[in-house]
Amino acid sequence: MNHPAAGRLLAACLLSAACALGLPGAALADAAKPKVALVMKSLANEFFLTMENGAKTYQAQHSSEFELVSNGIKNETDTAAQIAIVEQMIATKADALVIAPADSKALVPVLKKASDAGIKVVNIDNRLDPAVLQSKGLQVPFVGPDNQAGAFKVGDYLGEQLKPGDEVGIIEGVPTTTNAQQRSAGFKEAMEKAKAKVVSVQSGNWEMAPGQQVAAAMLSEYPNLKALLAGNDNMALGAVSAVRAAGKAGQVKVVGYDNIKAIAPMLKDGRVLATADQYADRQAVYGIEAALKLIKGQDTGAQNGVITTPVDLVTGKP
């Protein structure tokens, strides 16, 4: 079993010895810094690029405290590739893993392996399945927003502009992910409050092209559709394209989630009605801060295993 803490203690002792002998100690000093691995989902998604940039900026400001290694997969559903990245981080003896899992259940076994190797694990963005974690005897703090509450804020804003009985469709993320399930639940809760009718829930796998295809199919099957609620902004971008292609611009409202930069002009001109900002640039930082506390044996401040981060409604209105 690997014990990173013991390794850091040894490095510190070696550094002290080197200094006492008047020998160069820079390399040993670097070895004493903990290595934090940030493992994200698809870097083709602007949300995760923003997350990575935020983490790198934070590390540059705290370069004496830790080293950062960041990785991502090519698409949102490539769970096997993400598992391989975690395996690689175990092999290279990372001190901590901060992960946005592509699947809420499938990543648990390899994260258990990482934990057994002495690596501290922190979960961000998409929550790991609590029941599966419990079955493995694994405790992993989740750092992230209340996705259901965030989606409800967006859906509630949309609902104010709908009439009772209006038909709407939900474009869901990867169905096996907790955040996709929670966002759909928040959207449904808001539509129930507005007395709108959810006629279809289909997965767009968090990506633009599948989101566009799903939206196009919904618009064709339900010609009276009044709104499309997308579980992230990538899929909302696809929905906007589908609405335009169907000749229904201005007739079908679109909402998203994430507040990526590409959505800003669409919020301004009304092609997208609203989205939710969960502060991608800070979310990884919150996770890294929790990981560094775990490495030091400090309390992360988690309540029932959760460190809740902000999520806010964003509209085109000033």
Protein backbone atom coordinates (compact mmCIF):
# COMPACT_ATOMS: atom_id res chain seq x y z
CA MET A 1 0.00 0.00 0.00
CA ASN A 2 1.33 3.40 -0.95
CA HIS A 3 1.47 6.09 1.79
CA PRO A 4 2.02 9.56 0.27
CA ALA A 5 2.28 11.16 3.70
CA ALA A 6 5.19 8.91 4.59
CA GLY A 7 6.84 9.84 1.30
CA ARG A 8 6.52 13.52 2.03
CA LEU A 9 8.00 12.99 5.50
CA LEU A 10 10.97 11.18 3.99
CA ALA A 11 11.44 13.97 1.45
CA ALA A 12 11.41 16.54 4.22
CA CYS A 13 14.05 14.60 6.14
CA LEU A 14 16.23 14.29 3.06
CA LEU A 15 15.87 18.01 2.38
CA SER A 16 16.93 18.83 5.95
CA ALA A 17 19.94 16.57 5.59
CA ALA A 18 20.88 18.15 2.26
CA CYS A 19 20.67 21.63 3.76
CA ALA A 20 22.82 20.57 6.72
CA LEU A 21 25.48 19.31 4.33
CA GLY A 22 25.26 22.42 2.17
CA LEU A 23 23.95 20.37 -0.80
CA PRO A 24 21.43 21.60 -3.41
CA GLY A 25 17.90 20.91 -2.20
CA ALA A 26 15.59 22.37 -4.88
CA ALA A 27 14.68 19.00 -6.36
CA LEU A 28 13.96 17.59 -2.92
CA ALA A 29 11.86 20.64 -2.08
CA ASP A 30 9.73 20.00 -5.17
CA ALA A 31 9.33 16.36 -4.14
CA ALA A 32 7.96 17.48 -0.78
CA LYS A 33 5.03 19.31 -2.39
CA PRO A 34 1.85 17.24 -2.72
CA LYS A 35 0.68 16.42 -6.23
CA VAL A 36 -3.00 17.06 -6.89
CA ALA A 37 -4.57 15.49 -9.99
CA LEU A 38 -7.61 17.20 -11.48
CA VAL A 39 -9.59 14.72 -13.59
CA MET A 40 -12.41 16.25 -15.63
CA LYS A 41 -14.92 15.21 -18.23
CA SER A 42 -14.77 16.38 -21.86
CA LEU A 43 -12.39 19.25 -22.51
CA ALA A 44 -14.41 19.88 -25.69
CA ASN A 45 -16.97 21.36 -23.30
CA GLU A 46 -16.16 24.99 -22.56
CA PHE A 47 -17.31 24.48 -18.97
CA PHE A 48 -14.43 22.12 -18.22
CA LEU A 49 -11.88 24.26 -20.04
CA THR A 50 -12.95 27.13 -17.79
CA MET A 51 -12.64 24.82 -14.80
CA GLU A 52 -9.12 23.78 -15.83
CA ASN A 53 -8.03 27.38 -16.38
CA GLY A 54 -9.35 28.36 -12.97
CA ALA A 55 -7.43 25.51 -11.35
CA LYS A 56 -4.21 26.44 -13.15
CA THR A 57 -4.54 30.08 -12.14
CA TYR A 58 -5.06 29.05 -8.52
CA GLN A 59 -2.02 26.74 -8.61
CA ALA A 60 0.14 29.52 -10.07
CA GLN A 61 -0.88 31.68 -7.12
CA HIS A 62 -0.05 28.85 -4.67
CA SER A 63 2.86 27.21 -6.48
CA SER A 64 4.80 26.64 -3.25
CA GLU A 65 1.92 24.65 -1.76
CA PHE A 66 1.17 21.95 -4.36
CA GLU A 67 1.72 20.67 -7.88
CA LEU A 68 -1.21 20.31 -10.28
CA VAL A 69 -1.75 17.73 -13.01
CA SER A 70 -4.94 18.18 -15.07
CA ASN A 71 -6.55 15.68 -17.43
CA GLY A 72 -9.81 15.34 -19.34
CA ILE A 73 -11.51 12.93 -21.71
CA LYS A 74 -12.48 13.50 -25.35
CA ASN A 75 -16.22 13.14 -24.92
CA GLU A 76 -18.67 13.08 -22.05
CA THR A 77 -19.44 9.35 -22.25
CA ASP A 78 -15.89 7.94 -22.45
CA THR A 79 -15.95 6.42 -18.98
CA ALA A 80 -13.24 3.88 -19.83
CA ALA A 81 -10.80 6.66 -20.72
CA GLN A 82 -11.48 8.43 -17.45
CA ILE A 83 -10.92 5.23 -15.49
CA ALA A 84 -7.59 4.84 -17.35
CA ILE A 85 -6.59 8.39 -16.30
CA VAL A 86 -7.29 7.56 -12.65
CA GLU A 87 -5.24 4.36 -12.99
CA GLN A 88 -2.39 6.46 -14.36
CA MET A 89 -2.61 8.88 -11.44
CA ILE A 90 -2.45 5.94 -9.02
CA ALA A 91 0.64 4.62 -10.81
CA THR A 92 2.35 8.01 -10.69
CA LYS A 93 1.58 8.30 -6.96
CA ALA A 94 -0.59 11.40 -6.88
CA ASP A 95 -1.36 12.59 -3.36
CA ALA A 96 -4.94 13.61 -4.16
CA LEU A 97 -7.53 13.18 -6.90
CA VAL A 98 -10.15 15.86 -7.58
CA ILE A 99 -12.57 14.29 -10.04
CA ALA A 100 -15.66 15.26 -12.02
CA PRO A 101 -16.80 11.70 -12.83
CA ALA A 102 -18.24 10.84 -16.23
CA ASP A 103 -20.44 8.24 -14.54
CA SER A 104 -21.74 8.35 -10.97
CA LYS A 105 -21.35 4.59 -10.42
CA ALA A 106 -18.73 3.25 -12.83
CA LEU A 107 -15.88 5.36 -11.41
CA VAL A 108 -16.34 4.18 -7.81
CA PRO A 109 -14.28 0.94 -8.02
CA VAL A 110 -11.17 2.67 -9.39
CA LEU A 111 -11.55 5.50 -6.88
CA LYS A 112 -11.70 2.86 -4.14
CA LYS A 113 -8.42 1.54 -5.52
CA ALA A 114 -6.97 5.06 -5.35
CA SER A 115 -8.15 5.51 -1.78
CA ASP A 116 -6.66 2.15 -0.78
CA ALA A 117 -3.36 3.39 -2.23
CA GLY A 118 -3.44 6.30 0.22
CA ILE A 119 -4.66 8.91 -2.28
CA LYS A 120 -7.18 11.46 -1.01
CA VAL A 121 -10.25 11.63 -3.26
CA VAL A 122 -12.56 14.62 -3.68
CA ASN A 123 -15.63 14.55 -5.93
CA ILE A 124 -16.71 17.70 -7.84
CA ASP A 125 -19.38 18.66 -10.38
CA ASN A 126 -21.23 15.33 -10.70
CA ARG A 127 -21.86 13.53 -7.43
CA LEU A 128 -20.81 9.90 -7.06
CA ASP A 129 -23.67 7.57 -6.15
CA PRO A 130 -23.88 7.51 -2.30
CA ALA A 131 -25.21 3.93 -2.21
CA VAL A 132 -22.37 2.61 -4.37
CA LEU A 133 -19.83 4.51 -2.27
CA GLN A 134 -21.30 2.97 0.86
CA SER A 135 -21.20 -0.53 -0.66
CA LYS A 136 -17.45 -0.06 -1.19
CA GLY A 137 -16.91 1.37 2.30
CA LEU A 138 -15.69 4.59 0.68
CA GLN A 139 -16.19 8.10 2.02
CA VAL A 140 -15.63 10.83 -0.57
CA PRO A 141 -16.65 14.45 0.04
CA PHE A 142 -18.71 16.03 -2.72
CA VAL A 143 -17.90 19.63 -3.58
CA GLY A 144 -20.46 21.24 -5.85
CA PRO A 145 -23.79 23.00 -6.26
CA ASP A 146 -27.30 21.80 -5.59
CA ASN A 147 -28.09 20.95 -9.20
CA GLN A 148 -31.78 20.41 -8.60
CA ALA A 149 -32.13 23.82 -6.96
CA GLY A 150 -30.15 25.46 -9.77
CA ALA A 151 -32.29 23.85 -12.46
CA PHE A 152 -35.44 24.84 -10.60
CA LYS A 153 -34.32 28.49 -10.64
CA VAL A 154 -33.91 28.32 -14.42
CA GLY A 155 -37.15 26.41 -14.97
CA ASP A 156 -39.09 28.70 -12.65
CA TYR A 157 -37.95 31.75 -14.62
CA LEU A 158 -39.09 30.05 -17.81
CA GLY A 159 -42.36 29.01 -16.18
CA GLU A 160 -43.28 32.64 -15.57
CA GLN A 161 -43.47 33.05 -19.34
CA LEU A 162 -45.48 29.90 -20.05
CA LYS A 163 -49.20 29.25 -19.88
CA PRO A 164 -50.86 26.30 -18.11
CA GLY A 165 -50.91 23.32 -20.47
CA ASP A 166 -47.99 24.51 -22.62
CA GLU A 167 -45.91 21.60 -23.91
CA VAL A 168 -42.19 21.49 -23.13
CA GLY A 169 -39.31 19.07 -23.66
CA ILE A 170 -36.29 18.30 -21.50
CA ILE A 171 -32.92 17.54 -23.08
CA GLU A 172 -31.11 15.58 -20.39
CA GLY A 173 -27.40 14.96 -19.89
CA VAL A 174 -25.92 11.47 -19.56
CA PRO A 175 -28.74 9.61 -17.75
CA THR A 176 -26.36 7.65 -15.47
CA THR A 177 -24.96 10.85 -13.95
CA THR A 178 -26.40 12.27 -10.75
CA ASN A 179 -26.24 15.89 -11.93
CA ALA A 180 -28.24 15.06 -15.07
CA GLN A 181 -30.90 13.38 -12.94
CA GLN A 182 -31.01 16.27 -10.48
CA ARG A 183 -31.27 18.93 -13.17
CA SER A 184 -34.11 17.07 -14.87
CA ALA A 185 -35.82 16.79 -11.49
CA GLY A 186 -35.44 20.55 -10.94
CA PHE A 187 -36.83 21.30 -14.40
CA LYS A 188 -39.80 18.98 -13.82
CA GLU A 189 -40.50 20.56 -10.45
CA ALA A 190 -40.57 24.02 -12.03
CA MET A 191 -42.80 22.87 -14.90
CA GLU A 192 -45.21 21.30 -12.45
CA LYS A 193 -45.38 24.62 -10.60
CA ALA A 194 -46.08 26.40 -13.91
CA LYS A 195 -48.67 23.73 -14.83
CA ALA A 196 -46.79 23.11 -18.08
CA LYS A 197 -46.77 19.63 -19.63
CA VAL A 198 -43.44 17.80 -20.04
CA VAL A 199 -44.09 15.75 -23.18
CA SER A 200 -40.60 14.30 -23.67
CA VAL A 201 -37.33 13.72 -21.78
CA GLN A 202 -34.43 12.54 -23.95
CA SER A 203 -30.67 12.43 -23.49
CA GLY A 204 -28.35 14.69 -25.46
CA ASN A 205 -25.28 13.27 -23.65
CA TRP A 206 -24.18 16.77 -22.60
CA GLU A 207 -23.00 17.52 -26.17
CA MET A 208 -24.08 19.99 -28.85
CA ALA A 209 -24.68 17.69 -31.83
CA PRO A 210 -26.74 15.09 -29.92
CA GLY A 211 -28.59 17.96 -28.25
CA GLN A 212 -29.48 19.37 -31.65
CA GLN A 213 -30.67 15.97 -32.90
CA VAL A 214 -32.86 15.41 -29.84
CA ALA A 215 -34.32 18.92 -30.08
CA ALA A 216 -35.07 18.48 -33.77
CA ALA A 217 -36.85 15.19 -33.08
CA MET A 218 -38.93 16.77 -30.32
CA LEU A 219 -39.89 19.74 -32.48
CA SER A 220 -40.99 17.38 -35.23
CA GLU A 221 -42.96 15.06 -32.96
CA TYR A 222 -44.54 17.85 -30.91
CA PRO A 223 -45.35 20.76 -33.25
CA ASN A 224 -46.95 22.74 -30.41
CA LEU A 225 -43.82 22.65 -28.24
CA LYS A 226 -43.27 25.97 -26.45
CA ALA A 227 -39.92 25.41 -24.72
CA LEU A 228 -36.82 23.24 -24.52
CA LEU A 229 -35.01 22.87 -21.20
CA ALA A 230 -31.42 21.72 -21.73
CA GLY A 231 -29.37 20.21 -18.92
CA ASN A 232 -26.29 22.15 -20.00
CA ASP A 233 -25.41 25.01 -22.34
CA ASN A 234 -23.75 22.76 -24.92
CA MET A 235 -27.07 21.05 -25.51
CA ALA A 236 -28.84 24.42 -25.36
CA LEU A 237 -26.63 25.59 -28.25
CA GLY A 238 -27.78 22.53 -30.20
CA ALA A 239 -31.40 23.27 -29.31
CA VAL A 240 -31.07 26.85 -30.60
CA SER A 241 -29.79 25.49 -33.93
CA ALA A 242 -32.68 23.02 -34.13
CA VAL A 243 -35.23 25.72 -33.37
CA ARG A 244 -33.79 27.94 -36.10
CA ALA A 245 -33.70 25.05 -38.61
CA ALA A 246 -37.35 24.27 -37.84
CA GLY A 247 -38.29 27.88 -38.61
CA LYS A 248 -39.48 28.44 -35.05
CA ALA A 249 -37.05 31.09 -33.82
CA GLY A 250 -38.88 33.28 -31.31
CA GLN A 251 -41.64 30.71 -30.93
CA VAL A 252 -39.83 28.09 -28.83
CA LYS A 253 -37.98 29.25 -25.74
CA VAL A 254 -34.66 27.62 -24.81
CA VAL A 255 -32.95 27.49 -21.41
CA GLY A 256 -29.65 25.91 -20.39
CA TYR A 257 -27.27 25.43 -17.47
CA ASP A 258 -23.56 26.36 -16.91
CA ASN A 259 -23.31 29.95 -18.24
CA ILE A 260 -20.50 29.24 -20.69
CA LYS A 261 -19.14 32.18 -22.70
CA ALA A 262 -20.69 30.94 -25.95
CA ILE A 263 -24.15 31.39 -24.48
CA ALA A 264 -23.70 35.09 -23.60
CA PRO A 265 -24.68 36.58 -27.00
CA MET A 266 -27.70 34.27 -27.12
CA LEU A 267 -28.86 35.46 -23.72
CA LYS A 268 -28.47 39.03 -24.96
CA ASP A 269 -30.56 38.58 -28.11
CA GLY A 270 -33.11 36.20 -26.59
CA ARG A 271 -32.24 32.99 -28.41
CA VAL A 272 -31.59 31.57 -24.94
CA LEU A 273 -33.89 32.77 -22.18
CA ALA A 274 -31.83 31.79 -19.12
CA THR A 275 -29.06 29.59 -17.75
CA ALA A 276 -27.44 28.84 -14.39
CA ASP A 277 -23.94 29.84 -13.35
CA GLN A 278 -22.20 27.27 -11.15
CA TYR A 279 -18.86 29.09 -11.38
CA ALA A 280 -16.73 26.59 -13.26
CA ASP A 281 -13.52 28.51 -12.61
CA ARG A 282 -14.02 28.20 -8.85
CA GLN A 283 -15.52 24.74 -8.60
CA ALA A 284 -12.20 22.92 -9.13
CA VAL A 285 -10.54 25.35 -6.72
CA TYR A 286 -13.05 24.46 -4.00
CA GLY A 287 -12.21 20.81 -4.65
CA ILE A 288 -8.46 21.41 -4.56
CA GLU A 289 -8.76 23.33 -1.30
CA ALA A 290 -10.68 20.41 0.21
CA ALA A 291 -8.06 17.94 -1.07
CA LEU A 292 -5.20 19.91 0.48
CA LYS A 293 -7.05 19.92 3.81
CA LEU A 294 -7.47 16.15 3.62
CA ILE A 295 -3.75 15.72 2.89
CA LYS A 296 -2.96 17.79 5.99
CA GLY A 297 -5.46 15.84 8.07
CA GLN A 298 -7.70 18.89 8.49
CA ASP A 299 -11.49 19.11 8.56
CA THR A 300 -12.95 20.03 5.15
CA GLY A 301 -16.09 21.52 6.67
CA ALA A 302 -18.33 19.11 4.75
CA GLN A 303 -21.86 18.69 6.06
CA ASN A 304 -23.13 15.12 5.61
CA GLY A 305 -20.34 14.60 3.10
CA VAL A 306 -21.19 17.71 1.05
CA ILE A 307 -19.54 21.09 0.58
CA THR A 308 -22.19 23.13 -1.22
CA THR A 309 -20.99 25.73 -3.73
CA PRO A 310 -23.00 28.59 -5.31
CA VAL A 311 -25.35 28.36 -8.29
CA ASP A 312 -27.21 31.42 -9.61
CA LEU A 313 -29.77 32.25 -12.26
CA VAL A 314 -28.44 34.19 -15.27
CA THR A 315 -30.73 35.93 -17.78
CA GLY A 316 -30.31 38.38 -20.60
CA LYS A 317 -31.90 41.11 -18.54
CA PRO A 318 -29.59 43.64 -16.81
